[in-house]
């Protein structure tokens, strides 16, 4: 969480929540919130739109990412087929 710089590849492909010994955890939400609060740079790749990120992770996380990120669109085709 506290690395100087962090890259998250393909945001949105992981489960939103996990259960560990009966506790429900939201690792990506916790990670993004921590990095936002500590003003740590994070590089994120995703096929999700900003609206979809807000729907998947909640509006608060979507707003934090809108405030602190610059979107760099890749317009070339997918290599996945």
PDB file of N, CA and C in Angstrom:
ATOM      1  N   UNK A   1       0.804  -1.210   0.000  1.00  0.00           N
ATOM      2  CA  UNK A   1       0.000   0.000   0.000  1.00  0.00           C
ATOM      3  C   UNK A   1       0.843   1.268   0.000  1.00  0.00           C
ATOM      4  N   UNK A   2       1.981   1.219   0.661  1.00  0.00           N
ATOM      5  CA  UNK A   2       2.741   2.448   0.850  1.00  0.00           C
ATOM      6  C   UNK A   2       3.982   2.549  -0.038  1.00  0.00           C
ATOM      7  N   UNK A   3       4.040   1.785  -1.114  1.00  0.00           N
ATOM      8  CA  UNK A   3       5.156   1.892  -2.049  1.00  0.00           C
ATOM      9  C   UNK A   3       5.171   3.296  -2.660  1.00  0.00           C
ATOM     10  N   UNK A   4       6.347   3.736  -3.051  1.00  0.00           N
ATOM     11  CA  UNK A   4       6.491   5.083  -3.603  1.00  0.00           C
ATOM     12  C   UNK A   4       5.612   5.289  -4.831  1.00  0.00           C
ATOM     13  N   UNK A   5       5.552   4.289  -5.690  1.00  0.00           N
ATOM     14  CA  UNK A   5       4.678   4.320  -6.860  1.00  0.00           C
ATOM     15  C   UNK A   5       4.135   2.912  -7.062  1.00  0.00           C
ATOM     16  N   UNK A   6       2.892   2.808  -7.512  1.00  0.00           N
ATOM     17  CA  UNK A   6       2.240   1.513  -7.661  1.00  0.00           C
ATOM     18  C   UNK A   6       1.498   1.478  -8.985  1.00  0.00           C
ATOM     19  N   UNK A   7       1.535   0.333  -9.663  1.00  0.00           N
ATOM     20  CA  UNK A   7       0.767   0.128 -10.888  1.00  0.00           C
ATOM     21  C   UNK A   7      -0.243  -0.989 -10.653  1.00  0.00           C
ATOM     22  N   UNK A   8      -1.484  -0.732 -11.006  1.00  0.00           N
ATOM     23  CA  UNK A   8      -2.555  -1.728 -10.933  1.00  0.00           C
ATOM     24  C   UNK A   8      -2.966  -2.020 -12.367  1.00  0.00           C
ATOM     25  N   UNK A   9      -2.758  -3.249 -12.798  1.00  0.00           N
ATOM     26  CA  UNK A   9      -3.058  -3.638 -14.176  1.00  0.00           C
ATOM     27  C   UNK A   9      -4.442  -4.280 -14.257  1.00  0.00           C
ATOM     28  N   UNK A  10      -5.228  -3.839 -15.208  1.00  0.00           N
ATOM     29  CA  UNK A  10      -6.528  -4.423 -15.523  1.00  0.00           C
ATOM     30  C   UNK A  10      -7.523  -4.334 -14.365  1.00  0.00           C
ATOM     31  N   UNK A  11      -7.649  -3.138 -13.811  1.00  0.00           N
ATOM     32  CA  UNK A  11      -8.610  -2.884 -12.741  1.00  0.00           C
ATOM     33  C   UNK A  11      -9.998  -3.316 -13.192  1.00  0.00           C
ATOM     34  N   UNK A  12     -10.681  -4.045 -12.341  1.00  0.00           N
ATOM     35  CA  UNK A  12     -12.038  -4.477 -12.650  1.00  0.00           C
ATOM     36  C   UNK A  12     -12.147  -5.953 -12.948  1.00  0.00           C
ATOM     37  N   UNK A  13     -11.016  -6.643 -13.035  1.00  0.00           N
ATOM     38  CA  UNK A  13     -11.064  -8.076 -13.298  1.00  0.00           C
ATOM     39  C   UNK A  13     -11.011  -8.897 -12.015  1.00  0.00           C
ATOM     40  N   UNK A  14     -10.702  -8.251 -10.904  1.00  0.00           N
ATOM     41  CA  UNK A  14     -10.608  -8.944  -9.620  1.00  0.00           C
ATOM     42  C   UNK A  14     -11.961  -8.914  -8.919  1.00  0.00           C
ATOM     43  N   UNK A  15     -12.189  -9.809  -7.967  1.00  0.00           N
ATOM     44  CA  UNK A  15     -13.426  -9.727  -7.189  1.00  0.00           C
ATOM     45  C   UNK A  15     -13.462  -8.432  -6.386  1.00  0.00           C
ATOM     46  N   UNK A  16     -14.625  -7.810  -6.299  1.00  0.00           N
ATOM     47  CA  UNK A  16     -14.754  -6.550  -5.554  1.00  0.00           C
ATOM     48  C   UNK A  16     -14.545  -6.787  -4.068  1.00  0.00           C
ATOM     49  N   UNK A  17     -15.066  -7.900  -3.582  1.00  0.00           N
ATOM     50  CA  UNK A  17     -14.937  -8.233  -2.166  1.00  0.00           C
ATOM     51  C   UNK A  17     -14.427  -9.662  -2.023  1.00  0.00           C
ATOM     52  N   UNK A  18     -13.711  -9.901  -0.932  1.00  0.00           N
ATOM     53  CA  UNK A  18     -13.300 -11.251  -0.582  1.00  0.00           C
ATOM     54  C   UNK A  18     -13.671 -11.491   0.877  1.00  0.00           C
ATOM     55  N   UNK A  19     -13.868 -12.733   1.209  1.00  0.00           N
ATOM     56  CA  UNK A  19     -14.191 -13.089   2.589  1.00  0.00           C
ATOM     57  C   UNK A  19     -13.032 -13.881   3.159  1.00  0.00           C
ATOM     58  N   UNK A  20     -12.545 -13.433   4.305  1.00  0.00           N
ATOM     59  CA  UNK A  20     -11.433 -14.094   4.966  1.00  0.00           C
ATOM     60  C   UNK A  20     -11.819 -14.323   6.419  1.00  0.00           C
ATOM     61  N   UNK A  21     -11.981 -15.582   6.787  1.00  0.00           N
ATOM     62  CA  UNK A  21     -12.381 -15.946   8.149  1.00  0.00           C
ATOM     63  C   UNK A  21     -13.639 -15.196   8.584  1.00  0.00           C
ATOM     64  N   UNK A  22     -14.605 -15.083   7.675  1.00  0.00           N
ATOM     65  CA  UNK A  22     -15.869 -14.438   7.999  1.00  0.00           C
ATOM     66  C   UNK A  22     -15.876 -12.931   7.855  1.00  0.00           C
ATOM     67  N   UNK A  23     -14.724 -12.332   7.611  1.00  0.00           N
ATOM     68  CA  UNK A  23     -14.641 -10.880   7.426  1.00  0.00           C
ATOM     69  C   UNK A  23     -14.699 -10.548   5.946  1.00  0.00           C
ATOM     70  N   UNK A  24     -15.559  -9.622   5.576  1.00  0.00           N
ATOM     71  CA  UNK A  24     -15.665  -9.179   4.186  1.00  0.00           C
ATOM     72  C   UNK A  24     -14.681  -8.041   3.977  1.00  0.00           C
ATOM     73  N   UNK A  25     -13.771  -8.222   3.017  1.00  0.00           N
ATOM     74  CA  UNK A  25     -12.749  -7.219   2.725  1.00  0.00           C
ATOM     75  C   UNK A  25     -12.934  -6.687   1.313  1.00  0.00           C
ATOM     76  N   UNK A  26     -12.561  -5.431   1.109  1.00  0.00           N
ATOM     77  CA  UNK A  26     -12.596  -4.792  -0.213  1.00  0.00           C
ATOM     78  C   UNK A  26     -11.187  -4.259  -0.506  1.00  0.00           C
ATOM     79  N   UNK A  27     -10.277  -5.134  -0.943  1.00  0.00           N
ATOM     80  CA  UNK A  27      -8.870  -4.739  -1.049  1.00  0.00           C
ATOM     81  C   UNK A  27      -8.599  -3.568  -1.994  1.00  0.00           C
ATOM     82  N   UNK A  28      -9.247  -3.532  -3.139  1.00  0.00           N
ATOM     83  CA  UNK A  28      -8.974  -2.433  -4.084  1.00  0.00           C
ATOM     84  C   UNK A  28      -9.492  -1.113  -3.533  1.00  0.00           C
ATOM     85  N   UNK A  29     -10.670  -1.129  -2.934  1.00  0.00           N
ATOM     86  CA  UNK A  29     -11.210   0.096  -2.340  1.00  0.00           C
ATOM     87  C   UNK A  29     -10.285   0.583  -1.229  1.00  0.00           C
ATOM     88  N   UNK A  30      -9.829  -0.313  -0.390  1.00  0.00           N
ATOM     89  CA  UNK A  30      -8.917   0.054   0.699  1.00  0.00           C
ATOM     90  C   UNK A  30      -7.596   0.594   0.148  1.00  0.00           C
ATOM     91  N   UNK A  31      -7.088  -0.047  -0.898  1.00  0.00           N
ATOM     92  CA  UNK A  31      -5.817   0.365  -1.499  1.00  0.00           C
ATOM     93  C   UNK A  31      -5.920   1.756  -2.118  1.00  0.00           C
ATOM     94  N   UNK A  32      -6.955   1.986  -2.910  1.00  0.00           N
ATOM     95  CA  UNK A  32      -7.126   3.290  -3.561  1.00  0.00           C
ATOM     96  C   UNK A  32      -7.368   4.374  -2.516  1.00  0.00           C
ATOM     97  N   UNK A  33      -8.157   4.079  -1.494  1.00  0.00           N
ATOM     98  CA  UNK A  33      -8.416   5.058  -0.431  1.00  0.00           C
ATOM     99  C   UNK A  33      -7.130   5.421   0.305  1.00  0.00           C
ATOM    100  N   UNK A  34      -6.330   4.431   0.638  1.00  0.00           N
ATOM    101  CA  UNK A  34      -5.065   4.666   1.344  1.00  0.00           C
ATOM    102  C   UNK A  34      -4.142   5.543   0.504  1.00  0.00           C
ATOM    103  N   UNK A  35      -4.000   5.195  -0.763  1.00  0.00           N
ATOM    104  CA  UNK A  35      -3.085   5.937  -1.633  1.00  0.00           C
ATOM    105  C   UNK A  35      -3.590   7.358  -1.865  1.00  0.00           C
ATOM    106  N   UNK A  36      -4.906   7.538  -1.938  1.00  0.00           N
ATOM    107  CA  UNK A  36      -5.499   8.870  -2.071  1.00  0.00           C
ATOM    108  C   UNK A  36      -5.187   9.707  -0.834  1.00  0.00           C
ATOM    109  N   UNK A  37      -5.430   9.149   0.333  1.00  0.00           N
ATOM    110  CA  UNK A  37      -5.216   9.879   1.585  1.00  0.00           C
ATOM    111  C   UNK A  37      -3.753  10.247   1.805  1.00  0.00           C
ATOM    112  N   UNK A  38      -2.841   9.421   1.298  1.00  0.00           N
ATOM    113  CA  UNK A  38      -1.407   9.671   1.469  1.00  0.00           C
ATOM    114  C   UNK A  38      -0.766  10.307   0.232  1.00  0.00           C
ATOM    115  N   UNK A  39      -1.585  10.671  -0.748  1.00  0.00           N
ATOM    116  CA  UNK A  39      -1.149  11.339  -1.975  1.00  0.00           C
ATOM    117  C   UNK A  39      -0.004  10.589  -2.650  1.00  0.00           C
ATOM    118  N   UNK A  40      -0.177   9.277  -2.806  1.00  0.00           N
ATOM    119  CA  UNK A  40       0.827   8.436  -3.450  1.00  0.00           C
ATOM    120  C   UNK A  40       0.428   8.183  -4.901  1.00  0.00           C
ATOM    121  N   UNK A  41       1.369   8.296  -5.834  1.00  0.00           N
ATOM    122  CA  UNK A  41       1.040   8.104  -7.248  1.00  0.00           C
ATOM    123  C   UNK A  41       0.712   6.644  -7.571  1.00  0.00           C
ATOM    124  N   UNK A  42      -0.325   6.480  -8.378  1.00  0.00           N
ATOM    125  CA  UNK A  42      -0.777   5.152  -8.773  1.00  0.00           C
ATOM    126  C   UNK A  42      -1.104   5.173 -10.258  1.00  0.00           C
ATOM    127  N   UNK A  43      -0.598   4.194 -10.983  1.00  0.00           N
ATOM    128  CA  UNK A  43      -0.897   4.030 -12.401  1.00  0.00           C
ATOM    129  C   UNK A  43      -1.899   2.889 -12.509  1.00  0.00           C
ATOM    130  N   UNK A  44      -2.987   3.127 -13.215  1.00  0.00           N
ATOM    131  CA  UNK A  44      -4.047   2.117 -13.325  1.00  0.00           C
ATOM    132  C   UNK A  44      -4.371   1.898 -14.797  1.00  0.00           C
ATOM    133  N   UNK A  45      -4.436   0.630 -15.197  1.00  0.00           N
ATOM    134  CA  UNK A  45      -4.973   0.300 -16.513  1.00  0.00           C
ATOM    135  C   UNK A  45      -6.299  -0.412 -16.293  1.00  0.00           C
ATOM    136  N   UNK A  46      -7.237  -0.186 -17.210  1.00  0.00           N
ATOM    137  CA  UNK A  46      -8.549  -0.809 -17.083  1.00  0.00           C
ATOM    138  C   UNK A  46      -9.304  -0.698 -18.391  1.00  0.00           C
ATOM    139  N   UNK A  47     -10.182  -1.637 -18.616  1.00  0.00           N
ATOM    140  CA  UNK A  47     -11.116  -1.532 -19.732  1.00  0.00           C
ATOM    141  C   UNK A  47     -12.424  -0.887 -19.289  1.00  0.00           C
ATOM    142  N   UNK A  48     -12.524  -0.533 -18.002  1.00  0.00           N
ATOM    143  CA  UNK A  48     -13.726   0.111 -17.477  1.00  0.00           C
ATOM    144  C   UNK A  48     -13.711   1.602 -17.767  1.00  0.00           C
ATOM    145  N   UNK A  49     -14.877   2.148 -18.005  1.00  0.00           N
ATOM    146  CA  UNK A  49     -15.025   3.596 -18.135  1.00  0.00           C
ATOM    147  C   UNK A  49     -15.047   4.198 -16.733  1.00  0.00           C
ATOM    148  N   UNK A  50     -14.848   5.507 -16.603  1.00  0.00           N
ATOM    149  CA  UNK A  50     -14.976   6.127 -15.280  1.00  0.00           C
ATOM    150  C   UNK A  50     -16.330   5.847 -14.624  1.00  0.00           C
ATOM    151  N   UNK A  51     -17.404   5.864 -15.405  1.00  0.00           N
ATOM    152  CA  UNK A  51     -18.741   5.566 -14.872  1.00  0.00           C
ATOM    153  C   UNK A  51     -18.807   4.137 -14.343  1.00  0.00           C
ATOM    154  N   UNK A  52     -18.249   3.186 -15.079  1.00  0.00           N
ATOM    155  CA  UNK A  52     -18.255   1.790 -14.638  1.00  0.00           C
ATOM    156  C   UNK A  52     -17.436   1.607 -13.362  1.00  0.00           C
ATOM    157  N   UNK A  53     -16.320   2.321 -13.244  1.00  0.00           N
ATOM    158  CA  UNK A  53     -15.512   2.245 -12.021  1.00  0.00           C
ATOM    159  C   UNK A  53     -16.330   2.720 -10.830  1.00  0.00           C
ATOM    160  N   UNK A  54     -17.081   3.808 -10.998  1.00  0.00           N
ATOM    161  CA  UNK A  54     -17.941   4.308  -9.918  1.00  0.00           C
ATOM    162  C   UNK A  54     -19.017   3.295  -9.549  1.00  0.00           C
ATOM    163  N   UNK A  55     -19.550   2.584 -10.537  1.00  0.00           N
ATOM    164  CA  UNK A  55     -20.584   1.583 -10.276  1.00  0.00           C
ATOM    165  C   UNK A  55     -20.016   0.350  -9.578  1.00  0.00           C
ATOM    166  N   UNK A  56     -18.826  -0.078  -9.974  1.00  0.00           N
ATOM    167  CA  UNK A  56     -18.228  -1.286  -9.409  1.00  0.00           C
ATOM    168  C   UNK A  56     -17.664  -1.041  -8.014  1.00  0.00           C
ATOM    169  N   UNK A  57     -16.963   0.061  -7.826  1.00  0.00           N
ATOM    170  CA  UNK A  57     -16.234   0.294  -6.572  1.00  0.00           C
ATOM    171  C   UNK A  57     -16.917   1.298  -5.653  1.00  0.00           C
ATOM    172  N   UNK A  58     -17.874   1.984  -6.056  1.00  0.00           N
ATOM    173  CA  UNK A  58     -18.727   2.964  -5.384  1.00  0.00           C
ATOM    174  C   UNK A  58     -18.347   4.372  -5.821  1.00  0.00           C
ATOM    175  N   UNK A  59     -19.304   5.271  -5.667  1.00  0.00           N
ATOM    176  CA  UNK A  59     -19.151   6.647  -6.169  1.00  0.00           C
ATOM    177  C   UNK A  59     -17.975   7.369  -5.515  1.00  0.00           C
ATOM    178  N   UNK A  60     -17.718   7.101  -4.237  1.00  0.00           N
ATOM    179  CA  UNK A  60     -16.621   7.780  -3.537  1.00  0.00           C
ATOM    180  C   UNK A  60     -15.276   7.461  -4.191  1.00  0.00           C
ATOM    181  N   UNK A  61     -15.042   6.200  -4.516  1.00  0.00           N
ATOM    182  CA  UNK A  61     -13.784   5.809  -5.169  1.00  0.00           C
ATOM    183  C   UNK A  61     -13.729   6.406  -6.569  1.00  0.00           C
ATOM    184  N   UNK A  62     -14.848   6.369  -7.289  1.00  0.00           N
ATOM    185  CA  UNK A  62     -14.897   6.986  -8.609  1.00  0.00           C
ATOM    186  C   UNK A  62     -14.556   8.463  -8.563  1.00  0.00           C
ATOM    187  N   UNK A  63     -15.095   9.180  -7.585  1.00  0.00           N
ATOM    188  CA  UNK A  63     -14.817  10.609  -7.432  1.00  0.00           C
ATOM    189  C   UNK A  63     -13.346  10.858  -7.093  1.00  0.00           C
ATOM    190  N   UNK A  64     -12.775  10.020  -6.238  1.00  0.00           N
ATOM    191  CA  UNK A  64     -11.359  10.186  -5.886  1.00  0.00           C
ATOM    192  C   UNK A  64     -10.470   9.969  -7.097  1.00  0.00           C
ATOM    193  N   UNK A  65     -10.813   8.990  -7.899  1.00  0.00           N
ATOM    194  CA  UNK A  65     -10.004   8.751  -9.103  1.00  0.00           C
ATOM    195  C   UNK A  65     -10.180   9.885 -10.113  1.00  0.00           C
ATOM    196  N   UNK A  66     -11.393  10.394 -10.269  1.00  0.00           N
ATOM    197  CA  UNK A  66     -11.616  11.520 -11.180  1.00  0.00           C
ATOM    198  C   UNK A  66     -10.810  12.740 -10.745  1.00  0.00           C
ATOM    199  N   UNK A  67     -10.723  12.937  -9.431  1.00  0.00           N
ATOM    200  CA  UNK A  67      -9.997  14.093  -8.893  1.00  0.00           C
ATOM    201  C   UNK A  67      -8.491  13.986  -9.103  1.00  0.00           C
ATOM    202  N   UNK A  68      -7.952  12.790  -9.034  1.00  0.00           N
ATOM    203  CA  UNK A  68      -6.496  12.638  -8.968  1.00  0.00           C
ATOM    204  C   UNK A  68      -5.859  11.969 -10.173  1.00  0.00           C
ATOM    205  N   UNK A  69      -6.641  11.597 -11.171  1.00  0.00           N
ATOM    206  CA  UNK A  69      -6.045  10.880 -12.305  1.00  0.00           C
ATOM    207  C   UNK A  69      -6.195  11.651 -13.600  1.00  0.00           C
ATOM    208  N   UNK A  70      -5.346  11.281 -14.510  1.00  0.00           N
ATOM    209  CA  UNK A  70      -5.451  11.770 -15.876  1.00  0.00           C
ATOM    210  C   UNK A  70      -5.691  10.560 -16.758  1.00  0.00           C
ATOM    211  N   UNK A  71      -6.763  10.580 -17.529  1.00  0.00           N
ATOM    212  CA  UNK A  71      -7.103   9.450 -18.389  1.00  0.00           C
ATOM    213  C   UNK A  71      -6.331   9.568 -19.689  1.00  0.00           C
ATOM    214  N   UNK A  72      -5.652   8.498 -20.034  1.00  0.00           N
ATOM    215  CA  UNK A  72      -4.929   8.407 -21.307  1.00  0.00           C
ATOM    216  C   UNK A  72      -5.576   7.294 -22.103  1.00  0.00           C
ATOM    217  N   UNK A  73      -6.452   7.628 -23.057  1.00  0.00           N
ATOM    218  CA  UNK A  73      -7.155   6.584 -23.803  1.00  0.00           C
ATOM    219  C   UNK A  73      -6.239   5.902 -24.830  1.00  0.00           C
ATOM    220  N   UNK A  74      -6.407   4.604 -24.943  1.00  0.00           N
ATOM    221  CA  UNK A  74      -5.735   3.834 -25.976  1.00  0.00           C
ATOM    222  C   UNK A  74      -6.799   3.451 -26.984  1.00  0.00           C
ATOM    223  N   UNK A  75      -6.648   3.926 -28.184  1.00  0.00           N
ATOM    224  CA  UNK A  75      -7.690   3.759 -29.196  1.00  0.00           C
ATOM    225  C   UNK A  75      -7.419   2.621 -30.172  1.00  0.00           C
ATOM    226  N   UNK A  76      -6.262   1.979 -30.038  1.00  0.00           N
ATOM    227  CA  UNK A  76      -5.973   0.858 -30.932  1.00  0.00           C
ATOM    228  C   UNK A  76      -6.774  -0.359 -30.528  1.00  0.00           C
ATOM    229  N   UNK A  77      -6.861  -1.342 -31.430  1.00  0.00           N
ATOM    230  CA  UNK A  77      -7.659  -2.543 -31.198  1.00  0.00           C
ATOM    231  C   UNK A  77      -7.075  -3.446 -30.134  1.00  0.00           C
ATOM    232  N   UNK A  78      -7.894  -4.371 -29.702  1.00  0.00           N
ATOM    233  CA  UNK A  78      -7.491  -5.329 -28.680  1.00  0.00           C
ATOM    234  C   UNK A  78      -6.717  -6.477 -29.309  1.00  0.00           C
ATOM    235  N   UNK A  79      -5.722  -6.961 -28.585  1.00  0.00           N
ATOM    236  CA  UNK A  79      -4.970  -8.126 -29.033  1.00  0.00           C
ATOM    237  C   UNK A  79      -5.618  -9.418 -28.555  1.00  0.00           C
ATOM    238  N   UNK A  80      -6.682  -9.311 -27.790  1.00  0.00           N
ATOM    239  CA  UNK A  80      -7.340 -10.490 -27.228  1.00  0.00           C
ATOM    240  C   UNK A  80      -8.316 -11.131 -28.209  1.00  0.00           C
ATOM    241  N   UNK A  81      -8.594 -10.444 -29.293  1.00  0.00           N
ATOM    242  CA  UNK A  81      -9.443 -11.075 -30.296  1.00  0.00           C
ATOM    243  C   UNK A  81     -10.722 -10.469 -30.547  1.00  0.00           C
TER     244      UNK A  81
END
